[in-house]
Amino acid sequence: MATTYFKDALQKFVTDNVKAILELRVELHDDWFRLYCTVDAGGIYAEVASNFSLVHVQLDRNVQRFVFGQQTYTDILNLRCESFIKRQGIKLFIWFYHSVLKKDPLGFILSYINIARAKDEIIYLDINRWLKKNKKIMSTLHKVQVNYGELEEEQMVLKAQINYRDLLASTSNEDIISDKDEPELMQGPINPIDDATVPSQV
């Protein structure tokens, strides 16, 4: 998966469906990536970035999950607020996390707005709610599954294997993967993130 394809996926399944997120941009490197995010919500405009590793990938008929390890604290590249008090409050919040708790607030924020789950410095991003109504992708995941991924310069490599149960169940004249299974992100219906602005109860 090249950087351009990864960017298209972020745009299709996240940015286009979460009003607060104006832009998501990723730079892929060997064994790590840098994620840039621009948000505008509640009178707060912020551009942030952080470095991550890819810990695990699982894409199959039941689970569609990426697991990331946060490698660095979140950098605040730009911060504008509707009031001076709110700006100072955000700075105090970040200082408290970094200096007192000795951790980064990104995981807490992602969990609170119900985008991802976080434990320690590990972030679990389940993308089932974004994919389950995309028939093309789900059809493909019934025939192949991905349980390994690695990062290289400018690309993410996902290794897939065939679901032999579906292979044996298919007729001898039926293609295992047909043109209609091509998981092009820019086609097919998606499921909007209806609960993305609701604090997570997990």
C-alpha atoms as a PDB file:
ATOM      1  CA  MET A   1       0.000   0.000   0.000  1.00  0.00           C
ATOM      2  CA  ALA A   2       1.765   3.136  -1.207  1.00  0.00           C
ATOM      3  CA  THR A   3       1.620   6.459   0.619  1.00  0.00           C
ATOM      4  CA  THR A   4      -0.906   7.837  -1.889  1.00  0.00           C
ATOM      5  CA  TYR A   5      -3.218   4.851  -1.370  1.00  0.00           C
ATOM      6  CA  PHE A   6      -2.872   5.170   2.413  1.00  0.00           C
ATOM      7  CA  LYS A   7      -3.728   8.866   2.183  1.00  0.00           C
ATOM      8  CA  ASP A   8      -6.796   8.070   0.059  1.00  0.00           C
ATOM      9  CA  ALA A   9      -7.923   5.536   2.679  1.00  0.00           C
ATOM     10  CA  LEU A  10      -7.620   8.090   5.481  1.00  0.00           C
ATOM     11  CA  GLN A  11      -9.514  10.642   3.409  1.00  0.00           C
ATOM     12  CA  LYS A  12     -12.279   8.203   2.456  1.00  0.00           C
ATOM     13  CA  PHE A  13     -12.940   6.546   5.771  1.00  0.00           C
ATOM     14  CA  VAL A  14     -11.969   9.163   8.357  1.00  0.00           C
ATOM     15  CA  THR A  15     -11.563  12.741   7.160  1.00  0.00           C
ATOM     16  CA  ASP A  16     -14.695  12.723   4.989  1.00  0.00           C
ATOM     17  CA  ASN A  17     -16.797  11.414   7.892  1.00  0.00           C
ATOM     18  CA  VAL A  18     -15.485  13.236  10.945  1.00  0.00           C
ATOM     19  CA  LYS A  19     -16.288  16.930  10.776  1.00  0.00           C
ATOM     20  CA  ALA A  20     -13.739  17.855  13.426  1.00  0.00           C
ATOM     21  CA  ILE A  21     -10.849  16.403  11.397  1.00  0.00           C
ATOM     22  CA  LEU A  22      -9.853  18.652   8.522  1.00  0.00           C
ATOM     23  CA  GLU A  23      -6.859  16.667   7.344  1.00  0.00           C
ATOM     24  CA  LEU A  24      -4.952  13.468   8.039  1.00  0.00           C
ATOM     25  CA  ARG A  25      -1.589  13.013   6.402  1.00  0.00           C
ATOM     26  CA  VAL A  26       0.966  10.259   6.831  1.00  0.00           C
ATOM     27  CA  GLU A  27       4.661   9.893   6.005  1.00  0.00           C
ATOM     28  CA  LEU A  28       5.756   6.244   5.773  1.00  0.00           C
ATOM     29  CA  HIS A  29       9.323   5.262   6.652  1.00  0.00           C
ATOM     30  CA  ASP A  30      11.183   2.037   7.397  1.00  0.00           C
ATOM     31  CA  ASP A  31       9.534   0.568  10.527  1.00  0.00           C
ATOM     32  CA  TRP A  32       7.729   3.766  11.519  1.00  0.00           C
ATOM     33  CA  PHE A  33       5.424   6.495  10.256  1.00  0.00           C
ATOM     34  CA  ARG A  34       4.621  10.087  11.157  1.00  0.00           C
ATOM     35  CA  LEU A  35       0.964  11.052  11.305  1.00  0.00           C
ATOM     36  CA  TYR A  36      -0.146  14.663  10.885  1.00  0.00           C
ATOM     37  CA  CYS A  37      -3.653  15.700  11.920  1.00  0.00           C
ATOM     38  CA  THR A  38      -5.498  19.005  11.644  1.00  0.00           C
ATOM     39  CA  VAL A  39      -8.588  19.423  13.814  1.00  0.00           C
ATOM     40  CA  ASP A  40     -11.116  22.206  14.240  1.00  0.00           C
ATOM     41  CA  ALA A  41     -13.642  21.667  17.038  1.00  0.00           C
ATOM     42  CA  GLY A  42     -15.085  23.557  19.994  1.00  0.00           C
ATOM     43  CA  GLY A  43     -13.329  26.765  19.081  1.00  0.00           C
ATOM     44  CA  ILE A  44      -9.965  25.010  18.901  1.00  0.00           C
ATOM     45  CA  TYR A  45      -7.876  24.765  15.739  1.00  0.00           C
ATOM     46  CA  ALA A  46      -4.803  22.563  16.087  1.00  0.00           C
ATOM     47  CA  GLU A  47      -2.218  20.951  13.854  1.00  0.00           C
ATOM     48  CA  VAL A  48      -0.467  18.049  15.574  1.00  0.00           C
ATOM     49  CA  ALA A  49       1.938  15.266  14.649  1.00  0.00           C
ATOM     50  CA  SER A  50       3.379  12.165  16.276  1.00  0.00           C
ATOM     51  CA  ASN A  51       5.510   9.150  15.345  1.00  0.00           C
ATOM     52  CA  PHE A  52       4.194   5.577  15.448  1.00  0.00           C
ATOM     53  CA  SER A  53       5.250   2.011  14.787  1.00  0.00           C
ATOM     54  CA  LEU A  54       2.990  -0.638  13.280  1.00  0.00           C
ATOM     55  CA  VAL A  55       2.547  -3.291  15.961  1.00  0.00           C
ATOM     56  CA  HIS A  56      -0.067  -5.543  14.388  1.00  0.00           C
ATOM     57  CA  VAL A  57      -2.544  -5.759  11.518  1.00  0.00           C
ATOM     58  CA  GLN A  58      -5.571  -8.045  11.363  1.00  0.00           C
ATOM     59  CA  LEU A  59      -7.962  -7.812   8.435  1.00  0.00           C
ATOM     60  CA  ASP A  60     -10.399 -10.680   8.007  1.00  0.00           C
ATOM     61  CA  ARG A  61     -14.135 -11.351   7.910  1.00  0.00           C
ATOM     62  CA  ASN A  62     -14.514 -10.784  11.659  1.00  0.00           C
ATOM     63  CA  VAL A  63     -11.880  -8.263  12.687  1.00  0.00           C
ATOM     64  CA  GLN A  64     -10.451  -5.254  10.875  1.00  0.00           C
ATOM     65  CA  ARG A  65      -7.862  -3.765  13.186  1.00  0.00           C
ATOM     66  CA  PHE A  66      -4.607  -1.822  13.111  1.00  0.00           C
ATOM     67  CA  VAL A  67      -2.495  -1.637  16.264  1.00  0.00           C
ATOM     68  CA  PHE A  68      -0.010   1.210  16.556  1.00  0.00           C
ATOM     69  CA  GLY A  69       2.700   1.954  19.079  1.00  0.00           C
ATOM     70  CA  GLN A  70       3.199   5.640  19.816  1.00  0.00           C
ATOM     71  CA  GLN A  71       6.913   6.404  19.729  1.00  0.00           C
ATOM     72  CA  THR A  72       6.969  10.120  20.525  1.00  0.00           C
ATOM     73  CA  TYR A  73       4.902  12.669  22.359  1.00  0.00           C
ATOM     74  CA  THR A  74       2.470  14.581  20.181  1.00  0.00           C
ATOM     75  CA  ASP A  75       3.982  17.758  18.750  1.00  0.00           C
ATOM     76  CA  ILE A  76       1.691  20.804  18.642  1.00  0.00           C
ATOM     77  CA  LEU A  77       2.632  22.429  15.338  1.00  0.00           C
ATOM     78  CA  ASN A  78      -0.062  25.111  15.395  1.00  0.00           C
ATOM     79  CA  LEU A  79      -2.671  26.043  18.003  1.00  0.00           C
ATOM     80  CA  ARG A  80      -5.361  28.694  17.778  1.00  0.00           C
ATOM     81  CA  CYS A  81      -8.263  29.115  20.175  1.00  0.00           C
ATOM     82  CA  GLU A  82     -11.296  31.370  20.403  1.00  0.00           C
ATOM     83  CA  SER A  83     -10.138  32.603  23.801  1.00  0.00           C
ATOM     84  CA  PHE A  84      -6.894  33.115  25.674  1.00  0.00           C
ATOM     85  CA  ILE A  85      -8.203  31.132  28.659  1.00  0.00           C
ATOM     86  CA  LYS A  86      -8.992  28.093  26.530  1.00  0.00           C
ATOM     87  CA  ARG A  87      -5.546  28.231  24.946  1.00  0.00           C
ATOM     88  CA  GLN A  88      -3.860  28.352  28.345  1.00  0.00           C
ATOM     89  CA  GLY A  89      -6.074  25.514  29.562  1.00  0.00           C
ATOM     90  CA  ILE A  90      -4.982  23.301  26.670  1.00  0.00           C
ATOM     91  CA  LYS A  91      -1.330  24.108  27.306  1.00  0.00           C
ATOM     92  CA  LEU A  92      -1.781  23.257  30.997  1.00  0.00           C
ATOM     93  CA  PHE A  93      -3.524  19.998  30.092  1.00  0.00           C
ATOM     94  CA  ILE A  94      -0.650  18.961  27.802  1.00  0.00           C
ATOM     95  CA  TRP A  95       1.980  20.041  30.340  1.00  0.00           C
ATOM     96  CA  PHE A  96       0.256  17.981  33.055  1.00  0.00           C
ATOM     97  CA  TYR A  97       0.281  14.855  30.884  1.00  0.00           C
ATOM     98  CA  HIS A  98       3.878  15.257  29.742  1.00  0.00           C
ATOM     99  CA  SER A  99       5.472  16.508  32.955  1.00  0.00           C
ATOM    100  CA  VAL A 100       3.393  14.943  35.725  1.00  0.00           C
ATOM    101  CA  LEU A 101       1.873  11.784  34.250  1.00  0.00           C
ATOM    102  CA  LYS A 102       4.879  11.207  31.979  1.00  0.00           C
ATOM    103  CA  LYS A 103       2.725  10.145  29.066  1.00  0.00           C
ATOM    104  CA  ASP A 104       1.009  11.610  26.038  1.00  0.00           C
ATOM    105  CA  PRO A 105      -2.665  12.668  26.027  1.00  0.00           C
ATOM    106  CA  LEU A 106      -3.316  11.482  22.467  1.00  0.00           C
ATOM    107  CA  GLY A 107      -4.514   8.029  23.525  1.00  0.00           C
ATOM    108  CA  PHE A 108      -6.910   9.522  26.067  1.00  0.00           C
ATOM    109  CA  ILE A 109      -8.294  11.970  23.491  1.00  0.00           C
ATOM    110  CA  LEU A 110      -8.808   9.286  20.833  1.00  0.00           C
ATOM    111  CA  SER A 111     -10.609   7.077  23.359  1.00  0.00           C
ATOM    112  CA  TYR A 112     -12.741   9.948  24.647  1.00  0.00           C
ATOM    113  CA  ILE A 113     -14.052  10.899  21.202  1.00  0.00           C
ATOM    114  CA  ASN A 114     -14.484   7.205  20.332  1.00  0.00           C
ATOM    115  CA  ILE A 115     -12.091   7.052  17.377  1.00  0.00           C
ATOM    116  CA  ALA A 116      -9.735   4.420  18.829  1.00  0.00           C
ATOM    117  CA  ARG A 117      -8.899   2.572  22.041  1.00  0.00           C
ATOM    118  CA  ALA A 118      -5.654   3.163  23.881  1.00  0.00           C
ATOM    119  CA  LYS A 119      -3.726   1.306  26.544  1.00  0.00           C
ATOM    120  CA  ASP A 120      -0.408   2.704  27.698  1.00  0.00           C
ATOM    121  CA  GLU A 121       1.334   3.751  24.474  1.00  0.00           C
ATOM    122  CA  ILE A 122      -0.560   1.297  22.264  1.00  0.00           C
ATOM    123  CA  ILE A 123      -3.487   2.482  20.114  1.00  0.00           C
ATOM    124  CA  TYR A 124      -6.065   0.020  18.774  1.00  0.00           C
ATOM    125  CA  LEU A 125      -7.861   1.281  15.684  1.00  0.00           C
ATOM    126  CA  ASP A 126     -10.833  -0.906  14.766  1.00  0.00           C
ATOM    127  CA  ILE A 127     -12.108   0.051  11.329  1.00  0.00           C
ATOM    128  CA  ASN A 128     -15.060  -2.356  11.062  1.00  0.00           C
ATOM    129  CA  ARG A 129     -17.617   0.446  11.419  1.00  0.00           C
ATOM    130  CA  TRP A 130     -16.097   2.160   8.384  1.00  0.00           C
ATOM    131  CA  LEU A 131     -15.859  -0.960   6.226  1.00  0.00           C
ATOM    132  CA  LYS A 132     -18.822  -3.174   7.068  1.00  0.00           C
ATOM    133  CA  LYS A 133     -21.118  -1.554   4.492  1.00  0.00           C
ATOM    134  CA  ASN A 134     -18.475  -1.561   1.767  1.00  0.00           C
ATOM    135  CA  LYS A 135     -19.486  -4.787   0.023  1.00  0.00           C
ATOM    136  CA  LYS A 136     -16.424  -4.895  -2.219  1.00  0.00           C
ATOM    137  CA  ILE A 137     -13.936  -4.817   0.626  1.00  0.00           C
ATOM    138  CA  MET A 138     -15.915  -7.187   2.871  1.00  0.00           C
ATOM    139  CA  SER A 139     -16.301  -9.636  -0.024  1.00  0.00           C
ATOM    140  CA  THR A 140     -12.533  -9.637  -0.455  1.00  0.00           C
ATOM    141  CA  LEU A 141     -11.981 -10.179   3.270  1.00  0.00           C
ATOM    142  CA  HIS A 142     -14.166 -13.287   3.097  1.00  0.00           C
ATOM    143  CA  LYS A 143     -11.718 -14.756   0.588  1.00  0.00           C
ATOM    144  CA  VAL A 144      -8.378 -13.518   1.873  1.00  0.00           C
ATOM    145  CA  GLN A 145      -7.128 -12.392   5.252  1.00  0.00           C
ATOM    146  CA  VAL A 146      -4.269 -10.189   6.363  1.00  0.00           C
ATOM    147  CA  ASN A 147      -2.482 -10.906   9.624  1.00  0.00           C
ATOM    148  CA  TYR A 148       0.884  -9.298   9.002  1.00  0.00           C
ATOM    149  CA  GLY A 149       2.060  -5.880   7.956  1.00  0.00           C
ATOM    150  CA  GLU A 150       5.293  -3.924   7.907  1.00  0.00           C
ATOM    151  CA  LEU A 151       6.339  -0.408   7.042  1.00  0.00           C
ATOM    152  CA  GLU A 152       8.851   0.453   4.371  1.00  0.00           C
ATOM    153  CA  GLU A 153       9.885   3.760   2.862  1.00  0.00           C
ATOM    154  CA  GLU A 154       6.781   5.250   1.223  1.00  0.00           C
ATOM    155  CA  GLN A 155       4.694   2.085   1.535  1.00  0.00           C
ATOM    156  CA  MET A 156       2.924  -0.285   3.906  1.00  0.00           C
ATOM    157  CA  VAL A 157       3.326  -3.962   3.009  1.00  0.00           C
ATOM    158  CA  LEU A 158       0.358  -6.173   3.921  1.00  0.00           C
ATOM    159  CA  LYS A 159       0.754  -9.932   3.538  1.00  0.00           C
ATOM    160  CA  ALA A 160      -2.433 -11.863   2.816  1.00  0.00           C
ATOM    161  CA  GLN A 161      -3.381 -15.516   2.702  1.00  0.00           C
ATOM    162  CA  ILE A 162      -6.331 -17.261   1.094  1.00  0.00           C
ATOM    163  CA  ASN A 163      -9.251 -18.454   3.210  1.00  0.00           C
ATOM    164  CA  TYR A 164      -9.232 -22.082   2.113  1.00  0.00           C
ATOM    165  CA  ARG A 165     -12.708 -22.708   3.502  1.00  0.00           C
ATOM    166  CA  ASP A 166     -14.115 -20.235   1.000  1.00  0.00           C
ATOM    167  CA  LEU A 167     -11.787 -21.537  -1.690  1.00  0.00           C
ATOM    168  CA  LEU A 168     -13.102 -25.088  -1.287  1.00  0.00           C
ATOM    169  CA  ALA A 169     -16.695 -23.877  -1.057  1.00  0.00           C
ATOM    170  CA  SER A 170     -16.483 -22.000  -4.353  1.00  0.00           C
ATOM    171  CA  THR A 171     -17.333 -23.729  -7.597  1.00  0.00           C
ATOM    172  CA  SER A 172     -14.537 -24.901  -9.842  1.00  0.00           C
ATOM    173  CA  ASN A 173     -15.515 -22.378 -12.515  1.00  0.00           C
ATOM    174  CA  GLU A 174     -15.656 -19.424 -10.144  1.00  0.00           C
ATOM    175  CA  ASP A 175     -12.733 -17.065  -9.777  1.00  0.00           C
ATOM    176  CA  ILE A 176     -11.483 -16.825  -6.207  1.00  0.00           C
ATOM    177  CA  ILE A 177     -10.932 -13.098  -6.557  1.00  0.00           C
ATOM    178  CA  SER A 178     -12.956 -11.402  -9.248  1.00  0.00           C
ATOM    179  CA  ASP A 179     -12.907  -7.852 -10.567  1.00  0.00           C
ATOM    180  CA  LYS A 180     -15.834  -6.932  -8.330  1.00  0.00           C
ATOM    181  CA  ASP A 181     -13.719  -7.799  -5.275  1.00  0.00           C
ATOM    182  CA  GLU A 182     -11.052  -5.242  -6.117  1.00  0.00           C
ATOM    183  CA  PRO A 183     -10.994  -3.210  -2.887  1.00  0.00           C
ATOM    184  CA  GLU A 184     -10.825   0.247  -4.409  1.00  0.00           C
ATOM    185  CA  LEU A 185     -11.400   2.698  -1.618  1.00  0.00           C
ATOM    186  CA  MET A 186     -12.991   5.367  -3.733  1.00  0.00           C
ATOM    187  CA  GLN A 187     -15.942   3.162  -4.722  1.00  0.00           C
ATOM    188  CA  GLY A 188     -18.780   1.522  -2.839  1.00  0.00           C
ATOM    189  CA  PRO A 189     -20.877   2.686   0.115  1.00  0.00           C
ATOM    190  CA  ILE A 190     -19.329   3.318   3.460  1.00  0.00           C
ATOM    191  CA  ASN A 191     -20.686   3.601   6.956  1.00  0.00           C
ATOM    192  CA  PRO A 192     -20.389   7.153   8.321  1.00  0.00           C
ATOM    193  CA  ILE A 193     -18.856   7.468  11.743  1.00  0.00           C
ATOM    194  CA  ASP A 194     -22.064   8.323  13.557  1.00  0.00           C
ATOM    195  CA  ASP A 195     -20.584   7.927  17.021  1.00  0.00           C
ATOM    196  CA  ALA A 196     -17.220   9.557  16.418  1.00  0.00           C
ATOM    197  CA  THR A 197     -18.108  12.641  18.430  1.00  0.00           C
ATOM    198  CA  VAL A 198     -19.645  10.701  21.297  1.00  0.00           C
ATOM    199  CA  PRO A 199     -17.258   9.973  24.210  1.00  0.00           C
ATOM    200  CA  SER A 200     -16.339   6.318  24.365  1.00  0.00           C
ATOM    201  CA  GLN A 201     -17.832   4.247  27.136  1.00  0.00           C
ATOM    202  CA  VAL A 202     -15.030   1.664  26.919  1.00  0.00           C
END
